[in-house]
């Protein structure tokens, strides 16, 4: 996504990075080191930005997305693409509430702070989901076991 935005020549991309980050960024991306636990650091880095795309590791603190969203609101950002990728939950609050990723809570927080969100719906991550355990799709890969929940027919 970043490479495509840069290729247009119409966008300035700024990446907020923690001091211990070892990732590499595409050429042309401006990098700002932040201390995520310091709100002033985050707000300062987000000033004059129009759109925020949050792409955090699955190992990131569960409170970090909210910290970044609050800083974005304080910095005056109007649009956020939260760290929510996968299935379409827009207009489906029950589906959004039933995930372990707290999708609806993240969206509600963005709106409550006066911002708008854009969600990238890229489809169901089937391969990743198989490894989540039997309670998700019946596969217990480590034990080489599968549970079939029904026969797939039209009967109830």
C-alpha atoms as a PDB file:
ATOM      1  CA  UNK A   1       0.000   0.000   0.000  1.00  0.00           C
ATOM      2  CA  UNK A   2       2.770   2.428   0.936  1.00  0.00           C
ATOM      3  CA  UNK A   3       4.691   1.743  -2.245  1.00  0.00           C
ATOM      4  CA  UNK A   4       1.572   2.410  -4.355  1.00  0.00           C
ATOM      5  CA  UNK A   5       0.826   5.664  -2.517  1.00  0.00           C
ATOM      6  CA  UNK A   6       4.407   6.860  -2.944  1.00  0.00           C
ATOM      7  CA  UNK A   7       4.348   5.988  -6.650  1.00  0.00           C
ATOM      8  CA  UNK A   8       1.570   8.527  -7.243  1.00  0.00           C
ATOM      9  CA  UNK A   9       3.830  11.355  -6.140  1.00  0.00           C
ATOM     10  CA  UNK A  10       0.827  12.924  -4.396  1.00  0.00           C
ATOM     11  CA  UNK A  11       1.405  11.700  -0.855  1.00  0.00           C
ATOM     12  CA  UNK A  12       3.883  12.208   1.935  1.00  0.00           C
ATOM     13  CA  UNK A  13       4.130   9.089   4.086  1.00  0.00           C
ATOM     14  CA  UNK A  14       5.332   9.300   7.688  1.00  0.00           C
ATOM     15  CA  UNK A  15       5.995   6.141   9.703  1.00  0.00           C
ATOM     16  CA  UNK A  16       5.864   6.241  13.492  1.00  0.00           C
ATOM     17  CA  UNK A  17       8.453   3.836  14.839  1.00  0.00           C
ATOM     18  CA  UNK A  18       9.345   2.679  18.300  1.00  0.00           C
ATOM     19  CA  UNK A  19      13.027   3.038  19.165  1.00  0.00           C
ATOM     20  CA  UNK A  20      13.502  -0.751  19.229  1.00  0.00           C
ATOM     21  CA  UNK A  21      11.949  -1.287  15.795  1.00  0.00           C
ATOM     22  CA  UNK A  22      14.169  -3.211  13.402  1.00  0.00           C
ATOM     23  CA  UNK A  23      11.856  -3.135  10.387  1.00  0.00           C
ATOM     24  CA  UNK A  24      12.832  -1.497   7.119  1.00  0.00           C
ATOM     25  CA  UNK A  25      10.769   1.109   5.326  1.00  0.00           C
ATOM     26  CA  UNK A  26      10.404   1.737   1.606  1.00  0.00           C
ATOM     27  CA  UNK A  27      12.534   4.532   0.162  1.00  0.00           C
ATOM     28  CA  UNK A  28      10.707   7.839   0.400  1.00  0.00           C
ATOM     29  CA  UNK A  29       9.020   7.174   3.745  1.00  0.00           C
ATOM     30  CA  UNK A  30       9.762   9.754   6.437  1.00  0.00           C
ATOM     31  CA  UNK A  31      10.401   8.062   9.787  1.00  0.00           C
ATOM     32  CA  UNK A  32       9.655   9.559  13.220  1.00  0.00           C
ATOM     33  CA  UNK A  33      10.771   7.782  16.384  1.00  0.00           C
ATOM     34  CA  UNK A  34       8.103   7.860  19.107  1.00  0.00           C
ATOM     35  CA  UNK A  35       7.665   6.636  22.625  1.00  0.00           C
ATOM     36  CA  UNK A  36       4.220   5.030  22.446  1.00  0.00           C
ATOM     37  CA  UNK A  37       3.690   5.391  26.196  1.00  0.00           C
ATOM     38  CA  UNK A  38       4.239   9.184  25.981  1.00  0.00           C
ATOM     39  CA  UNK A  39       1.082  10.848  24.607  1.00  0.00           C
ATOM     40  CA  UNK A  40       2.899  14.103  23.787  1.00  0.00           C
ATOM     41  CA  UNK A  41       5.412  12.170  21.649  1.00  0.00           C
ATOM     42  CA  UNK A  42       2.611  10.517  19.690  1.00  0.00           C
ATOM     43  CA  UNK A  43       0.567  13.708  19.243  1.00  0.00           C
ATOM     44  CA  UNK A  44       3.628  15.623  18.053  1.00  0.00           C
ATOM     45  CA  UNK A  45       4.466  12.935  15.475  1.00  0.00           C
ATOM     46  CA  UNK A  46       0.871  12.899  14.183  1.00  0.00           C
ATOM     47  CA  UNK A  47       0.444  16.675  13.819  1.00  0.00           C
ATOM     48  CA  UNK A  48      -0.334  17.822  10.264  1.00  0.00           C
ATOM     49  CA  UNK A  49      -1.203  14.283   9.149  1.00  0.00           C
ATOM     50  CA  UNK A  50      -4.535  13.655   7.397  1.00  0.00           C
ATOM     51  CA  UNK A  51      -4.924   9.893   7.436  1.00  0.00           C
ATOM     52  CA  UNK A  52      -3.529   7.327   9.859  1.00  0.00           C
ATOM     53  CA  UNK A  53      -3.044   3.666   8.977  1.00  0.00           C
ATOM     54  CA  UNK A  54      -2.369   1.533  12.046  1.00  0.00           C
ATOM     55  CA  UNK A  55      -0.326  -1.603  11.320  1.00  0.00           C
ATOM     56  CA  UNK A  56       0.740  -3.081  14.626  1.00  0.00           C
ATOM     57  CA  UNK A  57       2.231  -6.482  15.256  1.00  0.00           C
ATOM     58  CA  UNK A  58       0.012  -9.117  16.833  1.00  0.00           C
ATOM     59  CA  UNK A  59       2.516  -8.995  19.709  1.00  0.00           C
ATOM     60  CA  UNK A  60       1.810  -5.309  20.414  1.00  0.00           C
ATOM     61  CA  UNK A  61       0.203  -4.365  23.695  1.00  0.00           C
ATOM     62  CA  UNK A  62      -3.588  -4.706  23.591  1.00  0.00           C
ATOM     63  CA  UNK A  63      -3.903  -1.090  24.811  1.00  0.00           C
ATOM     64  CA  UNK A  64      -1.563   0.384  22.190  1.00  0.00           C
ATOM     65  CA  UNK A  65      -4.181   0.816  19.415  1.00  0.00           C
ATOM     66  CA  UNK A  66      -6.323   2.889  21.764  1.00  0.00           C
ATOM     67  CA  UNK A  67      -3.311   4.962  22.805  1.00  0.00           C
ATOM     68  CA  UNK A  68      -2.554   5.746  19.164  1.00  0.00           C
ATOM     69  CA  UNK A  69      -6.202   6.511  18.350  1.00  0.00           C
ATOM     70  CA  UNK A  70      -6.459   8.971  21.252  1.00  0.00           C
ATOM     71  CA  UNK A  71      -3.237  10.674  20.139  1.00  0.00           C
ATOM     72  CA  UNK A  72      -4.596  10.891  16.585  1.00  0.00           C
ATOM     73  CA  UNK A  73      -7.727  12.628  17.852  1.00  0.00           C
ATOM     74  CA  UNK A  74      -5.624  15.092  19.857  1.00  0.00           C
ATOM     75  CA  UNK A  75      -3.503  15.776  16.749  1.00  0.00           C
ATOM     76  CA  UNK A  76      -6.588  16.524  14.647  1.00  0.00           C
ATOM     77  CA  UNK A  77      -6.509  13.510  12.322  1.00  0.00           C
ATOM     78  CA  UNK A  78      -9.877  12.988  10.622  1.00  0.00           C
ATOM     79  CA  UNK A  79      -9.514   9.468   9.158  1.00  0.00           C
ATOM     80  CA  UNK A  80      -8.060   6.275  10.593  1.00  0.00           C
ATOM     81  CA  UNK A  81      -7.611   2.829   9.126  1.00  0.00           C
ATOM     82  CA  UNK A  82      -7.458   0.781  12.338  1.00  0.00           C
ATOM     83  CA  UNK A  83      -5.489  -2.399  12.787  1.00  0.00           C
ATOM     84  CA  UNK A  84      -8.474  -4.439  11.574  1.00  0.00           C
ATOM     85  CA  UNK A  85      -8.007  -6.545   8.466  1.00  0.00           C
ATOM     86  CA  UNK A  86     -10.057  -9.466   7.264  1.00  0.00           C
ATOM     87  CA  UNK A  87     -13.799  -9.848   7.027  1.00  0.00           C
ATOM     88  CA  UNK A  88     -16.373  -7.096   6.520  1.00  0.00           C
ATOM     89  CA  UNK A  89     -17.969  -6.101   9.829  1.00  0.00           C
ATOM     90  CA  UNK A  90     -19.495  -2.786   8.735  1.00  0.00           C
ATOM     91  CA  UNK A  91     -23.206  -2.817   9.510  1.00  0.00           C
ATOM     92  CA  UNK A  92     -22.818  -6.172  11.257  1.00  0.00           C
ATOM     93  CA  UNK A  93     -22.293  -5.266  14.932  1.00  0.00           C
ATOM     94  CA  UNK A  94     -22.943  -8.812  16.147  1.00  0.00           C
ATOM     95  CA  UNK A  95     -20.201 -10.178  13.892  1.00  0.00           C
ATOM     96  CA  UNK A  96     -17.853  -7.381  14.942  1.00  0.00           C
ATOM     97  CA  UNK A  97     -18.574  -8.067  18.623  1.00  0.00           C
ATOM     98  CA  UNK A  98     -18.037 -11.817  18.322  1.00  0.00           C
ATOM     99  CA  UNK A  99     -14.359 -11.638  17.408  1.00  0.00           C
ATOM    100  CA  UNK A 100     -11.403 -11.879  19.740  1.00  0.00           C
ATOM    101  CA  UNK A 101     -10.001  -8.729  18.130  1.00  0.00           C
ATOM    102  CA  UNK A 102     -12.573  -6.353  19.692  1.00  0.00           C
ATOM    103  CA  UNK A 103     -13.351  -4.888  16.282  1.00  0.00           C
ATOM    104  CA  UNK A 104     -16.512  -3.029  17.296  1.00  0.00           C
ATOM    105  CA  UNK A 105     -14.836  -1.511  20.357  1.00  0.00           C
ATOM    106  CA  UNK A 106     -12.060  -0.091  18.156  1.00  0.00           C
ATOM    107  CA  UNK A 107     -14.519   1.366  15.656  1.00  0.00           C
ATOM    108  CA  UNK A 108     -16.734   2.830  18.396  1.00  0.00           C
ATOM    109  CA  UNK A 109     -13.736   4.524  20.010  1.00  0.00           C
ATOM    110  CA  UNK A 110     -12.703   6.180  16.738  1.00  0.00           C
ATOM    111  CA  UNK A 111     -16.219   7.549  16.184  1.00  0.00           C
ATOM    112  CA  UNK A 112     -16.580   8.660  19.822  1.00  0.00           C
ATOM    113  CA  UNK A 113     -13.434  10.775  19.413  1.00  0.00           C
ATOM    114  CA  UNK A 114     -14.894  12.588  16.383  1.00  0.00           C
ATOM    115  CA  UNK A 115     -12.988  10.762  13.662  1.00  0.00           C
ATOM    116  CA  UNK A 116     -13.994   8.552  10.750  1.00  0.00           C
ATOM    117  CA  UNK A 117     -12.645   5.126   9.911  1.00  0.00           C
ATOM    118  CA  UNK A 118     -11.838   3.204   6.780  1.00  0.00           C
ATOM    119  CA  UNK A 119     -11.594  -0.575   7.096  1.00  0.00           C
ATOM    120  CA  UNK A 120      -9.615  -2.679   4.644  1.00  0.00           C
ATOM    121  CA  UNK A 121     -11.648  -5.769   3.932  1.00  0.00           C
ATOM    122  CA  UNK A 122      -9.274  -8.275   2.409  1.00  0.00           C
ATOM    123  CA  UNK A 123     -11.239 -11.444   3.002  1.00  0.00           C
ATOM    124  CA  UNK A 124     -11.057 -14.249   5.491  1.00  0.00           C
ATOM    125  CA  UNK A 125      -7.547 -15.375   6.408  1.00  0.00           C
ATOM    126  CA  UNK A 126      -8.306 -19.063   6.227  1.00  0.00           C
ATOM    127  CA  UNK A 127      -4.780 -20.459   6.512  1.00  0.00           C
ATOM    128  CA  UNK A 128      -4.020 -18.333   9.579  1.00  0.00           C
ATOM    129  CA  UNK A 129      -7.358 -19.218  11.170  1.00  0.00           C
ATOM    130  CA  UNK A 130      -6.782 -22.964  10.970  1.00  0.00           C
ATOM    131  CA  UNK A 131      -4.043 -22.704  13.570  1.00  0.00           C
ATOM    132  CA  UNK A 132      -6.280 -20.987  16.148  1.00  0.00           C
ATOM    133  CA  UNK A 133      -7.507 -24.268  17.531  1.00  0.00           C
ATOM    134  CA  UNK A 134     -10.471 -26.566  17.486  1.00  0.00           C
ATOM    135  CA  UNK A 135     -12.931 -23.970  18.785  1.00  0.00           C
ATOM    136  CA  UNK A 136     -12.579 -21.963  15.566  1.00  0.00           C
ATOM    137  CA  UNK A 137     -12.802 -24.363  12.655  1.00  0.00           C
ATOM    138  CA  UNK A 138     -12.307 -27.778  14.170  1.00  0.00           C
ATOM    139  CA  UNK A 139      -8.611 -28.197  13.358  1.00  0.00           C
ATOM    140  CA  UNK A 140      -6.081 -29.138  16.021  1.00  0.00           C
ATOM    141  CA  UNK A 141      -2.983 -29.224  13.848  1.00  0.00           C
ATOM    142  CA  UNK A 142      -0.528 -30.262  16.555  1.00  0.00           C
ATOM    143  CA  UNK A 143      -2.574 -33.364  17.352  1.00  0.00           C
ATOM    144  CA  UNK A 144      -3.392 -33.986  13.673  1.00  0.00           C
ATOM    145  CA  UNK A 145      -7.086 -34.002  14.539  1.00  0.00           C
ATOM    146  CA  UNK A 146     -10.187 -32.387  13.028  1.00  0.00           C
ATOM    147  CA  UNK A 147     -13.713 -32.038  14.379  1.00  0.00           C
ATOM    148  CA  UNK A 148     -16.580 -31.872  11.888  1.00  0.00           C
ATOM    149  CA  UNK A 149     -19.422 -29.753  13.239  1.00  0.00           C
ATOM    150  CA  UNK A 150     -21.994 -31.045  10.761  1.00  0.00           C
ATOM    151  CA  UNK A 151     -22.129 -32.924   7.487  1.00  0.00           C
ATOM    152  CA  UNK A 152     -22.523 -29.772   5.386  1.00  0.00           C
ATOM    153  CA  UNK A 153     -25.987 -30.737   4.204  1.00  0.00           C
ATOM    154  CA  UNK A 154     -29.088 -28.563   4.089  1.00  0.00           C
ATOM    155  CA  UNK A 155     -30.644 -30.115   7.184  1.00  0.00           C
ATOM    156  CA  UNK A 156     -30.718 -28.334  10.547  1.00  0.00           C
END
